Amino acid sequence: MVKFDNVKFEIERRRCVIIFLIDGDLIITNSQNIQNVIDKEIEKGKEKVIFDFQKIGYIDSFGIGIIVKTKSALDKRKRMMAVIVNKSTRRLFEKCHLDEHINLFDNEEKAFNYLK
């Protein structure tokens, strides 16, 4: 686990899936550090990615940019991504119409089933 400002950031690996667990706020002050770690992990070649936002507090536009950039990078490599969200994060993604481009799930089991 790594801690950047107001967020705990953890990485788990299960078979061909990498899971980014984020607990706290995903904001301008920590987004660049988190993006750097994510970019390095994606370069390692894991086939599929899950963002676990069940414990996320607040996401600003820089945090949303991480999701959009990661989705774009994975699409170019023909790799899949899923995001596990809590209710407030789901509402944010829906208001921004990101749910039209990013697969959102309420729990880990549903996200893994999608990625099979």
N, C-alpha and C. Protein backbone atom coordinates (compact mmCIF):
# COMPACT_ATOMS: atom_id res chain seq x y z
N MET A 1 0.83 -1.18 0.00
CA MET A 1 0.00 0.00 0.00
C MET A 1 0.89 1.25 0.00
N VAL A 2 0.45 2.23 -0.76
CA VAL A 2 1.14 3.51 -0.85
C VAL A 2 0.15 4.59 -0.41
N LYS A 3 0.64 5.60 0.25
CA LYS A 3 -0.23 6.70 0.65
C LYS A 3 0.25 7.98 -0.01
N PHE A 4 -0.65 8.63 -0.75
CA PHE A 4 -0.39 9.92 -1.37
C PHE A 4 -1.41 10.91 -0.82
N ASP A 5 -0.97 11.91 -0.11
CA ASP A 5 -1.86 12.93 0.45
C ASP A 5 -3.10 12.32 1.10
N ASN A 6 -4.26 12.55 0.53
CA ASN A 6 -5.54 12.13 1.14
C ASN A 6 -6.04 10.78 0.63
N VAL A 7 -5.15 9.92 0.17
CA VAL A 7 -5.63 8.66 -0.42
C VAL A 7 -4.67 7.52 -0.10
N LYS A 8 -5.25 6.35 0.13
CA LYS A 8 -4.48 5.11 0.22
C LYS A 8 -4.65 4.41 -1.12
N PHE A 9 -3.55 3.98 -1.68
CA PHE A 9 -3.55 3.39 -3.02
C PHE A 9 -2.88 2.02 -2.92
N GLU A 10 -3.62 1.00 -3.30
CA GLU A 10 -3.12 -0.36 -3.18
C GLU A 10 -3.28 -1.09 -4.52
N ILE A 11 -2.35 -1.99 -4.79
CA ILE A 11 -2.39 -2.76 -6.03
C ILE A 11 -2.45 -4.24 -5.67
N GLU A 12 -3.41 -4.94 -6.28
CA GLU A 12 -3.52 -6.39 -6.13
C GLU A 12 -3.45 -7.01 -7.52
N ARG A 13 -2.90 -8.19 -7.58
CA ARG A 13 -2.83 -8.93 -8.84
C ARG A 13 -3.49 -10.29 -8.65
N ARG A 14 -4.41 -10.59 -9.54
CA ARG A 14 -5.06 -11.91 -9.53
C ARG A 14 -5.12 -12.41 -10.96
N ARG A 15 -4.42 -13.50 -11.18
CA ARG A 15 -4.30 -14.06 -12.53
C ARG A 15 -3.93 -12.99 -13.53
N CYS A 16 -4.76 -12.73 -14.52
CA CYS A 16 -4.43 -11.74 -15.55
C CYS A 16 -5.10 -10.39 -15.28
N VAL A 17 -5.50 -10.15 -14.02
CA VAL A 17 -6.17 -8.90 -13.66
C VAL A 17 -5.34 -8.13 -12.64
N ILE A 18 -5.23 -6.84 -12.86
CA ILE A 18 -4.62 -5.95 -11.87
C ILE A 18 -5.73 -5.10 -11.29
N ILE A 19 -5.73 -4.98 -9.97
CA ILE A 19 -6.77 -4.23 -9.28
C ILE A 19 -6.13 -3.05 -8.58
N PHE A 20 -6.65 -1.86 -8.87
CA PHE A 20 -6.22 -0.65 -8.19
C PHE A 20 -7.29 -0.28 -7.17
N LEU A 21 -6.95 -0.40 -5.89
CA LEU A 21 -7.88 -0.06 -4.81
C LEU A 21 -7.56 1.34 -4.30
N ILE A 22 -8.56 2.18 -4.27
CA ILE A 22 -8.36 3.56 -3.86
C ILE A 22 -9.29 3.87 -2.71
N ASP A 23 -8.71 4.35 -1.61
CA ASP A 23 -9.44 4.66 -0.39
C ASP A 23 -9.11 6.09 0.00
N GLY A 24 -10.06 7.00 -0.22
CA GLY A 24 -9.82 8.41 0.09
C GLY A 24 -10.23 9.28 -1.08
N ASP A 25 -9.59 10.42 -1.21
CA ASP A 25 -9.93 11.38 -2.26
C ASP A 25 -8.94 11.28 -3.42
N LEU A 26 -9.48 11.26 -4.62
CA LEU A 26 -8.66 11.22 -5.83
C LEU A 26 -8.72 12.63 -6.43
N ILE A 27 -7.68 13.43 -6.14
CA ILE A 27 -7.71 14.86 -6.45
C ILE A 27 -6.38 15.33 -7.03
N ILE A 28 -6.35 16.59 -7.38
CA ILE A 28 -5.20 17.17 -8.05
C ILE A 28 -3.88 16.91 -7.32
N THR A 29 -3.88 16.95 -6.00
CA THR A 29 -2.63 16.83 -5.26
C THR A 29 -2.03 15.43 -5.27
N ASN A 30 -2.83 14.42 -5.62
CA ASN A 30 -2.28 13.06 -5.65
C ASN A 30 -2.43 12.38 -7.01
N SER A 31 -3.13 13.03 -7.93
CA SER A 31 -3.45 12.36 -9.20
C SER A 31 -2.22 12.03 -10.04
N GLN A 32 -1.22 12.91 -10.08
CA GLN A 32 -0.05 12.64 -10.92
C GLN A 32 0.74 11.44 -10.40
N ASN A 33 0.92 11.36 -9.08
CA ASN A 33 1.62 10.21 -8.51
C ASN A 33 0.88 8.91 -8.80
N ILE A 34 -0.42 8.94 -8.65
CA ILE A 34 -1.22 7.74 -8.91
C ILE A 34 -1.18 7.38 -10.38
N GLN A 35 -1.29 8.38 -11.26
CA GLN A 35 -1.24 8.11 -12.69
C GLN A 35 0.09 7.48 -13.08
N ASN A 36 1.17 7.94 -12.51
CA ASN A 36 2.49 7.37 -12.81
C ASN A 36 2.56 5.89 -12.45
N VAL A 37 2.04 5.54 -11.28
CA VAL A 37 2.03 4.13 -10.85
C VAL A 37 1.16 3.30 -11.78
N ILE A 38 -0.01 3.80 -12.12
CA ILE A 38 -0.92 3.07 -13.02
C ILE A 38 -0.26 2.85 -14.38
N ASP A 39 0.34 3.89 -14.93
CA ASP A 39 1.00 3.78 -16.24
C ASP A 39 2.08 2.70 -16.22
N LYS A 40 2.87 2.66 -15.16
CA LYS A 40 3.93 1.65 -15.06
C LYS A 40 3.34 0.24 -14.99
N GLU A 41 2.26 0.09 -14.26
CA GLU A 41 1.62 -1.22 -14.14
C GLU A 41 1.02 -1.67 -15.47
N ILE A 42 0.41 -0.77 -16.19
CA ILE A 42 -0.18 -1.11 -17.49
C ILE A 42 0.91 -1.54 -18.47
N GLU A 43 2.05 -0.89 -18.41
CA GLU A 43 3.17 -1.26 -19.28
C GLU A 43 3.67 -2.68 -19.02
N LYS A 44 3.45 -3.19 -17.82
CA LYS A 44 3.88 -4.55 -17.49
C LYS A 44 3.08 -5.61 -18.23
N GLY A 45 1.92 -5.22 -18.78
CA GLY A 45 1.20 -6.12 -19.65
C GLY A 45 0.08 -6.93 -19.05
N LYS A 46 -0.40 -6.61 -17.86
CA LYS A 46 -1.57 -7.31 -17.35
C LYS A 46 -2.72 -7.08 -18.33
N GLU A 47 -3.49 -8.11 -18.56
CA GLU A 47 -4.51 -8.04 -19.61
C GLU A 47 -5.71 -7.19 -19.26
N LYS A 48 -6.11 -7.21 -17.98
CA LYS A 48 -7.35 -6.54 -17.59
C LYS A 48 -7.12 -5.72 -16.33
N VAL A 49 -7.93 -4.65 -16.19
CA VAL A 49 -7.78 -3.74 -15.06
C VAL A 49 -9.12 -3.54 -14.38
N ILE A 50 -9.08 -3.52 -13.03
CA ILE A 50 -10.23 -3.13 -12.23
C ILE A 50 -9.81 -1.97 -11.34
N PHE A 51 -10.61 -0.92 -11.36
CA PHE A 51 -10.49 0.15 -10.37
C PHE A 51 -11.54 -0.12 -9.31
N ASP A 52 -11.14 -0.21 -8.07
CA ASP A 52 -12.08 -0.40 -6.97
C ASP A 52 -12.25 0.93 -6.25
N PHE A 53 -13.39 1.57 -6.51
CA PHE A 53 -13.70 2.88 -5.93
C PHE A 53 -14.76 2.77 -4.83
N GLN A 54 -14.92 1.60 -4.23
CA GLN A 54 -15.95 1.44 -3.21
C GLN A 54 -15.69 2.33 -1.99
N LYS A 55 -14.41 2.63 -1.72
CA LYS A 55 -14.06 3.42 -0.54
C LYS A 55 -13.60 4.83 -0.90
N ILE A 56 -13.87 5.24 -2.12
CA ILE A 56 -13.42 6.56 -2.52
C ILE A 56 -14.34 7.62 -1.91
N GLY A 57 -13.73 8.75 -1.55
CA GLY A 57 -14.51 9.83 -0.97
C GLY A 57 -14.93 10.84 -2.02
N TYR A 58 -13.96 11.47 -2.64
CA TYR A 58 -14.21 12.55 -3.58
C TYR A 58 -13.30 12.38 -4.78
N ILE A 59 -13.83 12.70 -5.96
CA ILE A 59 -13.03 12.68 -7.19
C ILE A 59 -13.20 14.03 -7.87
N ASP A 60 -12.08 14.70 -8.17
CA ASP A 60 -12.17 15.94 -8.93
C ASP A 60 -11.87 15.64 -10.41
N SER A 61 -11.78 16.68 -11.21
CA SER A 61 -11.58 16.48 -12.65
C SER A 61 -10.25 15.80 -12.96
N PHE A 62 -9.25 15.98 -12.12
CA PHE A 62 -7.97 15.31 -12.33
C PHE A 62 -8.11 13.80 -12.08
N GLY A 63 -8.91 13.44 -11.08
CA GLY A 63 -9.19 12.03 -10.81
C GLY A 63 -9.95 11.39 -11.95
N ILE A 64 -10.92 12.10 -12.48
CA ILE A 64 -11.66 11.59 -13.64
C ILE A 64 -10.72 11.42 -14.82
N GLY A 65 -9.78 12.35 -14.96
CA GLY A 65 -8.80 12.26 -16.04
C GLY A 65 -7.98 10.98 -15.97
N ILE A 66 -7.68 10.51 -14.77
CA ILE A 66 -6.96 9.24 -14.61
C ILE A 66 -7.74 8.10 -15.23
N ILE A 67 -9.03 8.06 -14.96
CA ILE A 67 -9.89 7.00 -15.48
C ILE A 67 -9.96 7.07 -17.01
N VAL A 68 -10.19 8.27 -17.52
CA VAL A 68 -10.30 8.44 -18.98
C VAL A 68 -8.98 8.08 -19.66
N LYS A 69 -7.87 8.55 -19.14
CA LYS A 69 -6.56 8.25 -19.74
C LYS A 69 -6.26 6.75 -19.70
N THR A 70 -6.56 6.12 -18.57
CA THR A 70 -6.31 4.68 -18.45
C THR A 70 -7.19 3.90 -19.41
N LYS A 71 -8.45 4.28 -19.52
CA LYS A 71 -9.37 3.60 -20.44
C LYS A 71 -8.86 3.72 -21.88
N SER A 72 -8.41 4.91 -22.25
CA SER A 72 -7.88 5.14 -23.60
C SER A 72 -6.64 4.28 -23.86
N ALA A 73 -5.72 4.23 -22.89
CA ALA A 73 -4.50 3.43 -23.04
C ALA A 73 -4.83 1.95 -23.18
N LEU A 74 -5.79 1.48 -22.41
CA LEU A 74 -6.18 0.06 -22.48
C LEU A 74 -6.89 -0.25 -23.80
N ASP A 75 -7.74 0.65 -24.25
CA ASP A 75 -8.43 0.44 -25.53
C ASP A 75 -7.43 0.30 -26.68
N LYS A 76 -6.38 1.09 -26.66
CA LYS A 76 -5.36 1.02 -27.71
C LYS A 76 -4.66 -0.34 -27.72
N ARG A 77 -4.59 -0.96 -26.55
CA ARG A 77 -3.95 -2.27 -26.42
C ARG A 77 -4.97 -3.41 -26.49
N LYS A 78 -6.23 -3.06 -26.76
CA LYS A 78 -7.32 -4.04 -26.83
C LYS A 78 -7.45 -4.83 -25.52
N ARG A 79 -7.36 -4.09 -24.42
CA ARG A 79 -7.48 -4.69 -23.09
C ARG A 79 -8.72 -4.13 -22.40
N MET A 80 -9.22 -4.86 -21.43
CA MET A 80 -10.49 -4.52 -20.79
C MET A 80 -10.30 -3.84 -19.44
N MET A 81 -11.33 -3.04 -19.06
CA MET A 81 -11.31 -2.34 -17.79
C MET A 81 -12.70 -2.34 -17.19
N ALA A 82 -12.77 -2.44 -15.86
CA ALA A 82 -14.03 -2.33 -15.13
C ALA A 82 -13.79 -1.44 -13.92
N VAL A 83 -14.85 -0.76 -13.48
CA VAL A 83 -14.75 0.10 -12.31
C VAL A 83 -15.84 -0.29 -11.32
N ILE A 84 -15.42 -0.58 -10.10
CA ILE A 84 -16.36 -0.87 -9.02
C ILE A 84 -16.62 0.45 -8.31
N VAL A 85 -17.89 0.82 -8.18
CA VAL A 85 -18.24 2.14 -7.65
C VAL A 85 -19.18 2.05 -6.45
N ASN A 86 -19.14 3.09 -5.64
CA ASN A 86 -20.17 3.27 -4.61
C ASN A 86 -21.27 4.15 -5.21
N LYS A 87 -22.31 4.43 -4.45
CA LYS A 87 -23.45 5.18 -5.01
C LYS A 87 -23.08 6.59 -5.47
N SER A 88 -22.31 7.30 -4.67
CA SER A 88 -21.98 8.68 -5.06
C SER A 88 -21.06 8.72 -6.27
N THR A 89 -20.13 7.77 -6.35
CA THR A 89 -19.25 7.72 -7.51
C THR A 89 -20.03 7.34 -8.76
N ARG A 90 -20.98 6.43 -8.63
CA ARG A 90 -21.84 6.06 -9.77
C ARG A 90 -22.58 7.30 -10.28
N ARG A 91 -23.15 8.09 -9.36
CA ARG A 91 -23.88 9.30 -9.78
C ARG A 91 -22.97 10.26 -10.53
N LEU A 92 -21.73 10.43 -10.04
CA LEU A 92 -20.78 11.30 -10.72
C LEU A 92 -20.49 10.80 -12.13
N PHE A 93 -20.21 9.51 -12.28
CA PHE A 93 -19.92 8.95 -13.59
C PHE A 93 -21.12 9.09 -14.52
N GLU A 94 -22.33 8.93 -13.99
CA GLU A 94 -23.53 9.08 -14.82
C GLU A 94 -23.73 10.53 -15.24
N LYS A 95 -23.51 11.47 -14.33
CA LYS A 95 -23.67 12.90 -14.67
C LYS A 95 -22.68 13.32 -15.74
N CYS A 96 -21.51 12.74 -15.72
CA CYS A 96 -20.48 13.05 -16.73
C CYS A 96 -20.62 12.18 -17.98
N HIS A 97 -21.60 11.29 -17.98
CA HIS A 97 -21.85 10.36 -19.09
C HIS A 97 -20.70 9.38 -19.30
N LEU A 98 -19.88 9.20 -18.29
CA LEU A 98 -18.79 8.23 -18.39
C LEU A 98 -19.32 6.80 -18.37
N ASP A 99 -20.49 6.61 -17.80
CA ASP A 99 -21.08 5.27 -17.76
C ASP A 99 -21.42 4.76 -19.16
N GLU A 100 -21.42 5.64 -20.14
CA GLU A 100 -21.66 5.25 -21.53
C GLU A 100 -20.40 4.66 -22.17
N HIS A 101 -19.26 4.88 -21.53
CA HIS A 101 -17.98 4.45 -22.09
C HIS A 101 -17.19 3.51 -21.18
N ILE A 102 -17.53 3.53 -19.90
CA ILE A 102 -16.80 2.75 -18.91
C ILE A 102 -17.78 1.83 -18.20
N ASN A 103 -17.40 0.57 -18.06
CA ASN A 103 -18.27 -0.42 -17.42
C ASN A 103 -18.19 -0.29 -15.91
N LEU A 104 -19.34 0.02 -15.29
CA LEU A 104 -19.44 0.23 -13.85
C LEU A 104 -20.12 -0.96 -13.19
N PHE A 105 -19.63 -1.32 -12.01
CA PHE A 105 -20.19 -2.46 -11.28
C PHE A 105 -20.30 -2.12 -9.80
N ASP A 106 -21.24 -2.79 -9.14
CA ASP A 106 -21.48 -2.53 -7.71
C ASP A 106 -20.59 -3.35 -6.80
N ASN A 107 -19.98 -4.41 -7.33
CA ASN A 107 -19.12 -5.24 -6.47
C ASN A 107 -18.07 -5.96 -7.32
N GLU A 108 -17.11 -6.54 -6.61
CA GLU A 108 -15.98 -7.20 -7.26
C GLU A 108 -16.41 -8.41 -8.08
N GLU A 109 -17.34 -9.19 -7.58
CA GLU A 109 -17.79 -10.38 -8.29
C GLU A 109 -18.34 -10.04 -9.67
N LYS A 110 -19.17 -9.00 -9.75
CA LYS A 110 -19.74 -8.60 -11.03
C LYS A 110 -18.65 -8.09 -11.98
N ALA A 111 -17.69 -7.36 -11.45
CA ALA A 111 -16.60 -6.85 -12.28
C ALA A 111 -15.77 -8.00 -12.85
N PHE A 112 -15.43 -8.99 -12.01
CA PHE A 112 -14.66 -10.15 -12.48
C PHE A 112 -15.45 -10.95 -13.50
N ASN A 113 -16.74 -11.12 -13.29
CA ASN A 113 -17.57 -11.85 -14.25
C ASN A 113 -17.57 -11.16 -15.61
N TYR A 114 -17.60 -9.85 -15.62
CA TYR A 114 -17.55 -9.09 -16.86
C TYR A 114 -16.22 -9.32 -17.58
N LEU A 115 -15.14 -9.36 -16.83
CA LEU A 115 -13.81 -9.47 -17.43
C LEU A 115 -13.44 -10.88 -17.87
N LYS A 116 -14.26 -11.86 -17.59
CA LYS A 116 -13.94 -13.25 -17.98
C LYS A 116 -13.87 -13.39 -19.47
